N, C-alpha and C. Protein backbone atom coordinates (compact mmCIF):
# COMPACT_ATOMS: atom_id res chain seq x y z
N MET A 1 0.85 -1.18 0.00
CA MET A 1 0.00 0.00 0.00
C MET A 1 0.89 1.24 0.00
N GLU A 2 0.61 2.15 -0.87
CA GLU A 2 1.38 3.39 -0.97
C GLU A 2 0.55 4.57 -0.48
N ILE A 3 1.25 5.58 0.00
CA ILE A 3 0.57 6.82 0.33
C ILE A 3 0.11 7.43 -0.98
N PRO A 4 -1.15 7.81 -1.08
CA PRO A 4 -1.68 8.32 -2.34
C PRO A 4 -1.27 9.76 -2.65
N VAL A 5 0.04 10.01 -2.67
CA VAL A 5 0.53 11.35 -3.00
C VAL A 5 1.91 11.22 -3.62
N ASN A 6 2.16 12.04 -4.60
CA ASN A 6 3.48 12.11 -5.21
C ASN A 6 4.42 12.75 -4.18
N PRO A 7 5.57 12.15 -3.89
CA PRO A 7 6.45 12.69 -2.85
C PRO A 7 6.97 14.09 -3.11
N VAL A 8 6.97 14.56 -4.34
CA VAL A 8 7.44 15.92 -4.60
C VAL A 8 6.32 16.94 -4.52
N ALA A 9 5.07 16.49 -4.40
CA ALA A 9 3.93 17.41 -4.43
C ALA A 9 3.94 18.38 -3.27
N ILE A 10 4.18 17.90 -2.06
CA ILE A 10 4.13 18.79 -0.89
C ILE A 10 5.25 19.82 -0.92
N PRO A 11 6.52 19.44 -1.14
CA PRO A 11 7.55 20.48 -1.23
C PRO A 11 7.31 21.45 -2.38
N LEU A 12 6.84 20.95 -3.52
CA LEU A 12 6.57 21.83 -4.66
C LEU A 12 5.44 22.81 -4.34
N ALA A 13 4.40 22.34 -3.68
CA ALA A 13 3.29 23.22 -3.30
C ALA A 13 3.77 24.28 -2.31
N ALA A 14 4.65 23.90 -1.39
CA ALA A 14 5.18 24.86 -0.41
C ALA A 14 6.01 25.94 -1.11
N VAL A 15 6.84 25.53 -2.04
CA VAL A 15 7.66 26.51 -2.78
C VAL A 15 6.76 27.41 -3.62
N ALA A 16 5.70 26.85 -4.18
CA ALA A 16 4.76 27.66 -4.97
C ALA A 16 4.18 28.79 -4.14
N ALA A 17 3.90 28.53 -2.86
CA ALA A 17 3.37 29.59 -1.99
C ALA A 17 4.35 30.74 -1.87
N LEU A 18 5.64 30.44 -1.79
CA LEU A 18 6.66 31.49 -1.70
C LEU A 18 6.78 32.27 -3.00
N VAL A 19 6.73 31.55 -4.11
CA VAL A 19 6.85 32.22 -5.42
C VAL A 19 5.65 33.14 -5.65
N ILE A 20 4.46 32.64 -5.35
CA ILE A 20 3.26 33.47 -5.52
C ILE A 20 3.34 34.69 -4.62
N GLY A 21 3.79 34.50 -3.38
CA GLY A 21 3.93 35.62 -2.45
C GLY A 21 4.94 36.65 -2.93
N ALA A 22 6.03 36.19 -3.54
CA ALA A 22 7.04 37.11 -4.05
C ALA A 22 6.47 38.02 -5.13
N VAL A 23 5.57 37.49 -5.93
CA VAL A 23 4.93 38.30 -6.98
C VAL A 23 3.79 39.11 -6.39
N TRP A 24 2.93 38.47 -5.60
CA TRP A 24 1.72 39.10 -5.06
C TRP A 24 2.05 40.33 -4.21
N TYR A 25 3.05 40.19 -3.34
CA TYR A 25 3.38 41.27 -2.42
C TYR A 25 4.51 42.17 -2.92
N ASN A 26 4.93 41.99 -4.16
CA ASN A 26 5.97 42.83 -4.74
C ASN A 26 5.40 44.23 -4.98
N PRO A 27 6.05 45.27 -4.48
CA PRO A 27 5.52 46.62 -4.65
C PRO A 27 5.53 47.12 -6.08
N ASN A 28 6.31 46.51 -6.95
CA ASN A 28 6.40 46.98 -8.33
C ASN A 28 5.46 46.25 -9.29
N ILE A 29 5.15 44.98 -9.01
CA ILE A 29 4.30 44.24 -9.95
C ILE A 29 3.06 43.62 -9.31
N GLY A 30 2.98 43.63 -8.01
CA GLY A 30 1.84 43.02 -7.34
C GLY A 30 1.09 44.03 -6.49
N PHE A 31 0.61 43.55 -5.37
CA PHE A 31 -0.18 44.39 -4.47
C PHE A 31 0.65 44.90 -3.29
N GLY A 32 1.95 44.89 -3.42
CA GLY A 32 2.85 45.26 -2.34
C GLY A 32 2.64 46.65 -1.79
N ARG A 33 2.43 47.61 -2.67
CA ARG A 33 2.25 48.99 -2.19
C ARG A 33 0.96 49.12 -1.37
N ILE A 34 -0.10 48.50 -1.87
CA ILE A 34 -1.37 48.53 -1.13
C ILE A 34 -1.19 47.84 0.21
N TRP A 35 -0.59 46.65 0.19
CA TRP A 35 -0.38 45.89 1.43
C TRP A 35 0.44 46.69 2.43
N MET A 36 1.53 47.31 1.96
CA MET A 36 2.38 48.09 2.87
C MET A 36 1.60 49.24 3.51
N ARG A 37 0.85 49.95 2.69
CA ARG A 37 0.08 51.08 3.20
C ARG A 37 -0.99 50.61 4.20
N GLU A 38 -1.73 49.57 3.83
CA GLU A 38 -2.85 49.11 4.66
C GLU A 38 -2.40 48.38 5.93
N SER A 39 -1.20 47.79 5.90
CA SER A 39 -0.71 47.07 7.08
C SER A 39 0.17 47.94 7.97
N GLY A 40 0.60 49.09 7.45
CA GLY A 40 1.48 49.96 8.22
C GLY A 40 2.95 49.56 8.09
N MET A 41 3.25 48.75 7.10
CA MET A 41 4.63 48.29 6.88
C MET A 41 5.43 49.41 6.21
N THR A 42 6.70 49.53 6.62
CA THR A 42 7.59 50.52 6.02
C THR A 42 8.78 49.80 5.38
N GLU A 43 9.48 50.53 4.51
CA GLU A 43 10.69 49.97 3.88
C GLU A 43 11.71 49.60 4.95
N GLU A 44 11.85 50.45 5.95
CA GLU A 44 12.81 50.21 7.03
C GLU A 44 12.45 48.93 7.79
N LYS A 45 11.18 48.77 8.10
CA LYS A 45 10.73 47.57 8.80
C LYS A 45 10.94 46.32 7.95
N MET A 46 10.77 46.45 6.63
CA MET A 46 10.97 45.33 5.72
C MET A 46 12.41 44.85 5.74
N ARG A 47 13.35 45.78 5.91
CA ARG A 47 14.77 45.42 5.91
C ARG A 47 15.23 44.85 7.25
N SER A 48 14.41 44.98 8.27
CA SER A 48 14.81 44.48 9.58
C SER A 48 14.48 42.99 9.71
N GLY A 49 15.01 42.38 10.73
CA GLY A 49 14.73 40.97 10.97
C GLY A 49 15.72 40.06 10.26
N LYS A 50 15.68 38.82 10.62
CA LYS A 50 16.57 37.82 10.04
C LYS A 50 15.84 37.14 8.89
N ILE A 51 16.10 37.61 7.68
CA ILE A 51 15.36 37.18 6.51
C ILE A 51 15.47 35.68 6.26
N GLY A 52 16.64 35.10 6.54
CA GLY A 52 16.82 33.66 6.36
C GLY A 52 15.88 32.86 7.24
N ILE A 53 15.78 33.27 8.50
CA ILE A 53 14.88 32.58 9.44
C ILE A 53 13.43 32.80 9.03
N ILE A 54 13.11 34.01 8.61
CA ILE A 54 11.74 34.31 8.18
C ILE A 54 11.34 33.40 7.02
N PHE A 55 12.18 33.32 5.99
CA PHE A 55 11.83 32.50 4.83
C PHE A 55 11.83 31.01 5.16
N ALA A 56 12.71 30.58 6.05
CA ALA A 56 12.71 29.17 6.45
C ALA A 56 11.40 28.82 7.16
N LEU A 57 10.96 29.69 8.04
CA LEU A 57 9.69 29.45 8.74
C LEU A 57 8.50 29.54 7.80
N VAL A 58 8.53 30.48 6.89
CA VAL A 58 7.44 30.60 5.92
C VAL A 58 7.36 29.34 5.07
N LEU A 59 8.49 28.81 4.66
CA LEU A 59 8.50 27.56 3.89
C LEU A 59 7.97 26.40 4.73
N LEU A 60 8.36 26.33 5.99
CA LEU A 60 7.85 25.29 6.89
C LEU A 60 6.33 25.41 7.03
N PHE A 61 5.84 26.63 7.26
CA PHE A 61 4.40 26.84 7.40
C PHE A 61 3.66 26.46 6.13
N ALA A 62 4.23 26.78 4.98
CA ALA A 62 3.61 26.43 3.71
C ALA A 62 3.56 24.91 3.54
N ALA A 63 4.60 24.23 3.97
CA ALA A 63 4.60 22.76 3.90
C ALA A 63 3.54 22.17 4.83
N LEU A 64 3.40 22.74 6.02
CA LEU A 64 2.35 22.28 6.94
C LEU A 64 0.97 22.50 6.32
N LEU A 65 0.78 23.66 5.70
CA LEU A 65 -0.49 23.92 5.03
C LEU A 65 -0.72 22.92 3.90
N ALA A 66 0.31 22.59 3.16
CA ALA A 66 0.17 21.62 2.07
C ALA A 66 -0.26 20.26 2.59
N VAL A 67 0.27 19.86 3.74
CA VAL A 67 -0.14 18.59 4.34
C VAL A 67 -1.62 18.62 4.71
N LEU A 68 -2.07 19.72 5.30
CA LEU A 68 -3.48 19.87 5.63
C LEU A 68 -4.34 19.92 4.36
N LEU A 69 -3.90 20.70 3.41
CA LEU A 69 -4.66 20.86 2.17
C LEU A 69 -4.82 19.55 1.42
N MET A 70 -3.82 18.67 1.56
CA MET A 70 -3.90 17.36 0.92
C MET A 70 -5.16 16.62 1.33
N GLN A 71 -5.59 16.79 2.57
CA GLN A 71 -6.78 16.10 3.06
C GLN A 71 -8.05 16.58 2.34
N PHE A 72 -8.01 17.80 1.83
CA PHE A 72 -9.18 18.38 1.19
C PHE A 72 -9.21 18.15 -0.32
N VAL A 73 -8.07 18.04 -0.94
CA VAL A 73 -8.03 17.96 -2.40
C VAL A 73 -7.84 16.55 -2.93
N ASN A 74 -7.34 15.65 -2.10
CA ASN A 74 -7.03 14.30 -2.54
C ASN A 74 -7.97 13.34 -1.82
N HIS A 75 -9.04 12.92 -2.48
CA HIS A 75 -10.05 12.08 -1.85
C HIS A 75 -9.49 10.73 -1.42
N GLN A 76 -8.49 10.24 -2.11
CA GLN A 76 -7.91 8.94 -1.78
C GLN A 76 -7.22 8.98 -0.41
N PHE A 77 -6.85 10.16 0.04
CA PHE A 77 -6.22 10.27 1.35
C PHE A 77 -7.18 9.84 2.45
N GLY A 78 -8.47 10.06 2.25
CA GLY A 78 -9.46 9.62 3.23
C GLY A 78 -9.49 8.10 3.35
N ALA A 79 -9.41 7.42 2.21
CA ALA A 79 -9.38 5.96 2.24
C ALA A 79 -8.10 5.48 2.92
N PHE A 80 -7.01 6.13 2.65
CA PHE A 80 -5.73 5.79 3.27
C PHE A 80 -5.83 5.96 4.79
N GLY A 81 -6.49 7.02 5.21
CA GLY A 81 -6.64 7.27 6.64
C GLY A 81 -7.51 6.25 7.35
N MET A 82 -8.44 5.63 6.62
CA MET A 82 -9.32 4.64 7.25
C MET A 82 -8.57 3.40 7.70
N VAL A 83 -7.43 3.11 7.11
CA VAL A 83 -6.65 1.95 7.54
C VAL A 83 -5.56 2.39 8.53
N GLY A 84 -5.64 3.62 8.98
CA GLY A 84 -4.69 4.11 9.96
C GLY A 84 -3.29 4.28 9.43
N ALA A 85 -3.16 4.40 8.11
CA ALA A 85 -1.87 4.58 7.46
C ALA A 85 -0.89 3.45 7.77
N LYS A 86 -1.44 2.28 8.08
CA LYS A 86 -0.60 1.12 8.38
C LYS A 86 -0.93 0.01 7.38
N PRO A 87 -0.02 -0.29 6.49
CA PRO A 87 -0.30 -1.29 5.45
C PRO A 87 -0.77 -2.63 6.00
N GLU A 88 -0.26 -3.02 7.16
CA GLU A 88 -0.64 -4.32 7.70
C GLU A 88 -2.10 -4.39 8.15
N LEU A 89 -2.75 -3.22 8.31
CA LEU A 89 -4.15 -3.20 8.71
C LEU A 89 -5.10 -3.19 7.51
N ALA A 90 -4.58 -2.94 6.35
CA ALA A 90 -5.43 -2.84 5.16
C ALA A 90 -5.97 -4.21 4.78
N LYS A 91 -7.25 -4.26 4.47
CA LYS A 91 -7.89 -5.49 4.03
C LYS A 91 -7.88 -5.52 2.51
N PRO A 92 -8.12 -6.65 1.93
CA PRO A 92 -8.14 -6.74 0.46
C PRO A 92 -9.11 -5.75 -0.18
N SER A 93 -10.16 -5.39 0.54
CA SER A 93 -11.13 -4.45 -0.01
C SER A 93 -10.49 -3.08 -0.26
N TYR A 94 -9.49 -2.70 0.56
CA TYR A 94 -8.79 -1.44 0.35
C TYR A 94 -8.07 -1.46 -0.99
N ASP A 95 -7.33 -2.52 -1.23
CA ASP A 95 -6.61 -2.63 -2.51
C ASP A 95 -7.59 -2.63 -3.68
N ALA A 96 -8.73 -3.29 -3.51
CA ALA A 96 -9.74 -3.31 -4.58
C ALA A 96 -10.29 -1.90 -4.81
N PHE A 97 -10.58 -1.21 -3.71
CA PHE A 97 -11.10 0.16 -3.81
C PHE A 97 -10.10 1.06 -4.52
N MET A 98 -8.84 0.99 -4.08
CA MET A 98 -7.82 1.84 -4.69
C MET A 98 -7.58 1.46 -6.15
N SER A 99 -7.72 0.20 -6.46
CA SER A 99 -7.58 -0.23 -7.84
C SER A 99 -8.68 0.38 -8.71
N ASP A 100 -9.88 0.43 -8.16
CA ASP A 100 -11.02 0.98 -8.90
C ASP A 100 -11.04 2.52 -8.90
N TYR A 101 -10.68 3.13 -7.79
CA TYR A 101 -10.87 4.58 -7.62
C TYR A 101 -9.59 5.35 -7.29
N GLY A 102 -8.46 4.71 -7.37
CA GLY A 102 -7.20 5.34 -6.98
C GLY A 102 -6.84 6.59 -7.75
N ASN A 103 -7.36 6.73 -8.95
CA ASN A 103 -7.06 7.92 -9.75
C ASN A 103 -8.29 8.78 -10.02
N ALA A 104 -9.39 8.48 -9.34
CA ALA A 104 -10.62 9.26 -9.54
C ALA A 104 -10.43 10.68 -9.00
N PHE A 105 -10.80 11.64 -9.79
CA PHE A 105 -10.73 13.06 -9.41
C PHE A 105 -9.31 13.49 -9.06
N ARG A 106 -8.33 12.93 -9.71
CA ARG A 106 -6.93 13.29 -9.47
C ARG A 106 -6.43 14.12 -10.65
N THR A 107 -6.92 15.34 -10.73
CA THR A 107 -6.52 16.24 -11.81
C THR A 107 -6.12 17.60 -11.22
N PHE A 108 -5.37 18.35 -12.00
CA PHE A 108 -5.01 19.71 -11.58
C PHE A 108 -6.28 20.55 -11.40
N LYS A 109 -7.22 20.39 -12.32
CA LYS A 109 -8.45 21.18 -12.27
C LYS A 109 -9.25 20.89 -11.00
N HIS A 110 -9.38 19.62 -10.66
CA HIS A 110 -10.14 19.25 -9.46
C HIS A 110 -9.44 19.76 -8.20
N GLY A 111 -8.12 19.62 -8.17
CA GLY A 111 -7.37 20.12 -7.03
C GLY A 111 -7.46 21.64 -6.90
N ALA A 112 -7.43 22.33 -8.03
CA ALA A 112 -7.56 23.79 -8.01
C ALA A 112 -8.92 24.20 -7.46
N LEU A 113 -9.97 23.50 -7.87
CA LEU A 113 -11.32 23.81 -7.36
C LEU A 113 -11.37 23.66 -5.85
N HIS A 114 -10.89 22.53 -5.35
CA HIS A 114 -10.93 22.30 -3.90
C HIS A 114 -9.99 23.25 -3.16
N GLY A 115 -8.86 23.59 -3.77
CA GLY A 115 -7.97 24.57 -3.16
C GLY A 115 -8.61 25.93 -3.05
N ALA A 116 -9.33 26.33 -4.11
CA ALA A 116 -10.02 27.63 -4.09
C ALA A 116 -11.12 27.63 -3.02
N ILE A 117 -11.86 26.55 -2.94
CA ILE A 117 -12.90 26.45 -1.91
C ILE A 117 -12.27 26.55 -0.52
N PHE A 118 -11.14 25.86 -0.33
CA PHE A 118 -10.43 25.93 0.95
C PHE A 118 -10.02 27.37 1.25
N GLY A 119 -9.53 28.09 0.26
CA GLY A 119 -9.13 29.48 0.46
C GLY A 119 -10.29 30.38 0.83
N VAL A 120 -11.41 30.22 0.12
CA VAL A 120 -12.59 31.07 0.37
C VAL A 120 -13.23 30.73 1.71
N LEU A 121 -13.38 29.43 2.00
CA LEU A 121 -14.08 29.03 3.23
C LEU A 121 -13.16 28.87 4.43
N GLY A 122 -11.85 28.86 4.21
CA GLY A 122 -10.90 28.70 5.31
C GLY A 122 -10.11 29.96 5.57
N ALA A 123 -9.33 30.38 4.59
CA ALA A 123 -8.44 31.53 4.78
C ALA A 123 -9.20 32.84 4.94
N LEU A 124 -10.16 33.09 4.08
CA LEU A 124 -10.89 34.36 4.12
C LEU A 124 -11.56 34.61 5.47
N PRO A 125 -12.32 33.66 6.02
CA PRO A 125 -12.94 33.94 7.33
C PRO A 125 -11.92 34.14 8.45
N ILE A 126 -10.82 33.37 8.43
CA ILE A 126 -9.82 33.52 9.49
C ILE A 126 -9.14 34.87 9.38
N LEU A 127 -8.62 35.19 8.18
CA LEU A 127 -7.93 36.47 8.01
C LEU A 127 -8.88 37.64 8.18
N GLY A 128 -10.10 37.50 7.68
CA GLY A 128 -11.08 38.58 7.82
C GLY A 128 -11.42 38.87 9.26
N THR A 129 -11.60 37.83 10.05
CA THR A 129 -11.91 38.00 11.47
C THR A 129 -10.77 38.70 12.21
N ILE A 130 -9.55 38.23 11.98
CA ILE A 130 -8.39 38.86 12.62
C ILE A 130 -8.28 40.32 12.21
N ALA A 131 -8.43 40.58 10.91
CA ALA A 131 -8.29 41.95 10.40
C ALA A 131 -9.37 42.87 10.96
N LEU A 132 -10.57 42.37 11.11
CA LEU A 132 -11.64 43.21 11.66
C LEU A 132 -11.34 43.61 13.10
N PHE A 133 -10.87 42.67 13.90
CA PHE A 133 -10.53 43.00 15.28
C PHE A 133 -9.29 43.89 15.37
N GLU A 134 -8.41 43.79 14.38
CA GLU A 134 -7.24 44.67 14.34
C GLU A 134 -7.57 46.02 13.70
N ARG A 135 -8.81 46.17 13.29
CA ARG A 135 -9.30 47.41 12.66
C ARG A 135 -8.58 47.70 11.35
N LYS A 136 -8.33 46.65 10.57
CA LYS A 136 -7.71 46.80 9.26
C LYS A 136 -8.80 47.06 8.22
N SER A 137 -8.38 47.56 7.08
CA SER A 137 -9.32 47.95 6.04
C SER A 137 -9.78 46.76 5.19
N ALA A 138 -10.80 47.01 4.40
CA ALA A 138 -11.27 46.00 3.45
C ALA A 138 -10.18 45.68 2.43
N LYS A 139 -9.41 46.69 2.04
CA LYS A 139 -8.30 46.46 1.09
C LYS A 139 -7.30 45.49 1.69
N TYR A 140 -7.00 45.65 2.95
CA TYR A 140 -6.07 44.76 3.63
C TYR A 140 -6.60 43.32 3.60
N ILE A 141 -7.87 43.17 3.91
CA ILE A 141 -8.49 41.84 3.90
C ILE A 141 -8.45 41.26 2.49
N LEU A 142 -8.78 42.04 1.49
CA LEU A 142 -8.80 41.54 0.11
C LEU A 142 -7.41 41.17 -0.39
N VAL A 143 -6.41 41.97 -0.08
CA VAL A 143 -5.05 41.65 -0.53
C VAL A 143 -4.57 40.36 0.11
N ASN A 144 -4.72 40.25 1.42
CA ASN A 144 -4.20 39.06 2.11
C ASN A 144 -5.02 37.81 1.83
N SER A 145 -6.33 37.91 1.88
CA SER A 145 -7.14 36.72 1.59
C SER A 145 -7.05 36.37 0.11
N GLY A 146 -6.92 37.37 -0.74
CA GLY A 146 -6.74 37.09 -2.17
C GLY A 146 -5.48 36.29 -2.42
N TYR A 147 -4.40 36.64 -1.72
CA TYR A 147 -3.16 35.87 -1.84
C TYR A 147 -3.41 34.41 -1.45
N TRP A 148 -4.08 34.19 -0.33
CA TRP A 148 -4.28 32.83 0.13
C TRP A 148 -5.26 32.06 -0.75
N ILE A 149 -6.24 32.72 -1.30
CA ILE A 149 -7.16 32.02 -2.22
C ILE A 149 -6.41 31.59 -3.47
N VAL A 150 -5.62 32.48 -4.04
CA VAL A 150 -4.82 32.12 -5.22
C VAL A 150 -3.82 31.02 -4.86
N THR A 151 -3.15 31.19 -3.72
CA THR A 151 -2.13 30.23 -3.31
C THR A 151 -2.71 28.85 -3.04
N THR A 152 -3.81 28.76 -2.32
CA THR A 152 -4.39 27.45 -2.05
C THR A 152 -4.96 26.83 -3.33
N THR A 153 -5.38 27.66 -4.27
CA THR A 153 -5.83 27.14 -5.56
C THR A 153 -4.67 26.47 -6.29
N VAL A 154 -3.54 27.15 -6.34
CA VAL A 154 -2.36 26.60 -7.02
C VAL A 154 -1.83 25.39 -6.26
N MET A 155 -1.76 25.50 -4.94
CA MET A 155 -1.29 24.37 -4.14
C MET A 155 -2.19 23.15 -4.33
N GLY A 156 -3.49 23.38 -4.32
CA GLY A 156 -4.43 22.27 -4.53
C GLY A 156 -4.24 21.61 -5.87
N ALA A 157 -4.01 22.41 -6.91
CA ALA A 157 -3.78 21.86 -8.24
C ALA A 157 -2.52 20.98 -8.26
N ILE A 158 -1.48 21.45 -7.60
CA ILE A 158 -0.23 20.68 -7.54
C ILE A 158 -0.43 19.39 -6.76
N LEU A 159 -1.06 19.50 -5.59
CA LEU A 159 -1.23 18.35 -4.71
C LEU A 159 -2.11 17.27 -5.32
N CYS A 160 -3.11 17.67 -6.05
CA CYS A 160 -4.03 16.70 -6.63
C CYS A 160 -3.61 16.24 -8.02
N GLY A 161 -2.95 17.11 -8.75
CA GLY A 161 -2.64 16.80 -10.15
C GLY A 161 -1.37 16.03 -10.37
N LEU A 162 -0.46 16.07 -9.41
CA LEU A 162 0.80 15.34 -9.60
C LEU A 162 0.65 13.88 -9.21
């Protein structure tokens, strides 16, 4: 019994989050200027901190998100979870099920759909709630939740399509 995921999918999805963020929050080509203004970020503050540690943690967090997102975009992961992820517990019916349905709904398009749903129903309410209590603007909510909706869409496509 194999884990129903391509081993490069999770690291690739995590890196995709960083690449999308580099474009999305870039002040010259993305929404960086709006984000900086609405969040109160300054150029000086951007240059502070240990950038290596920041990016390492961001990559770790993106990988953790990819692991969670896998549960939503890859239906076969649910079947894998029913046997407790232990091959010795799997009954012949598991192998038969996976033989029949192991590749069902395993497309980039399907993963993108579920990733987008995850972004809208997961990221938007969480970020929106935090931003409202922090008294942030609608622009702030749209820039940040928009990033996560796009990112989870791309991550979902990678996780499900590979």
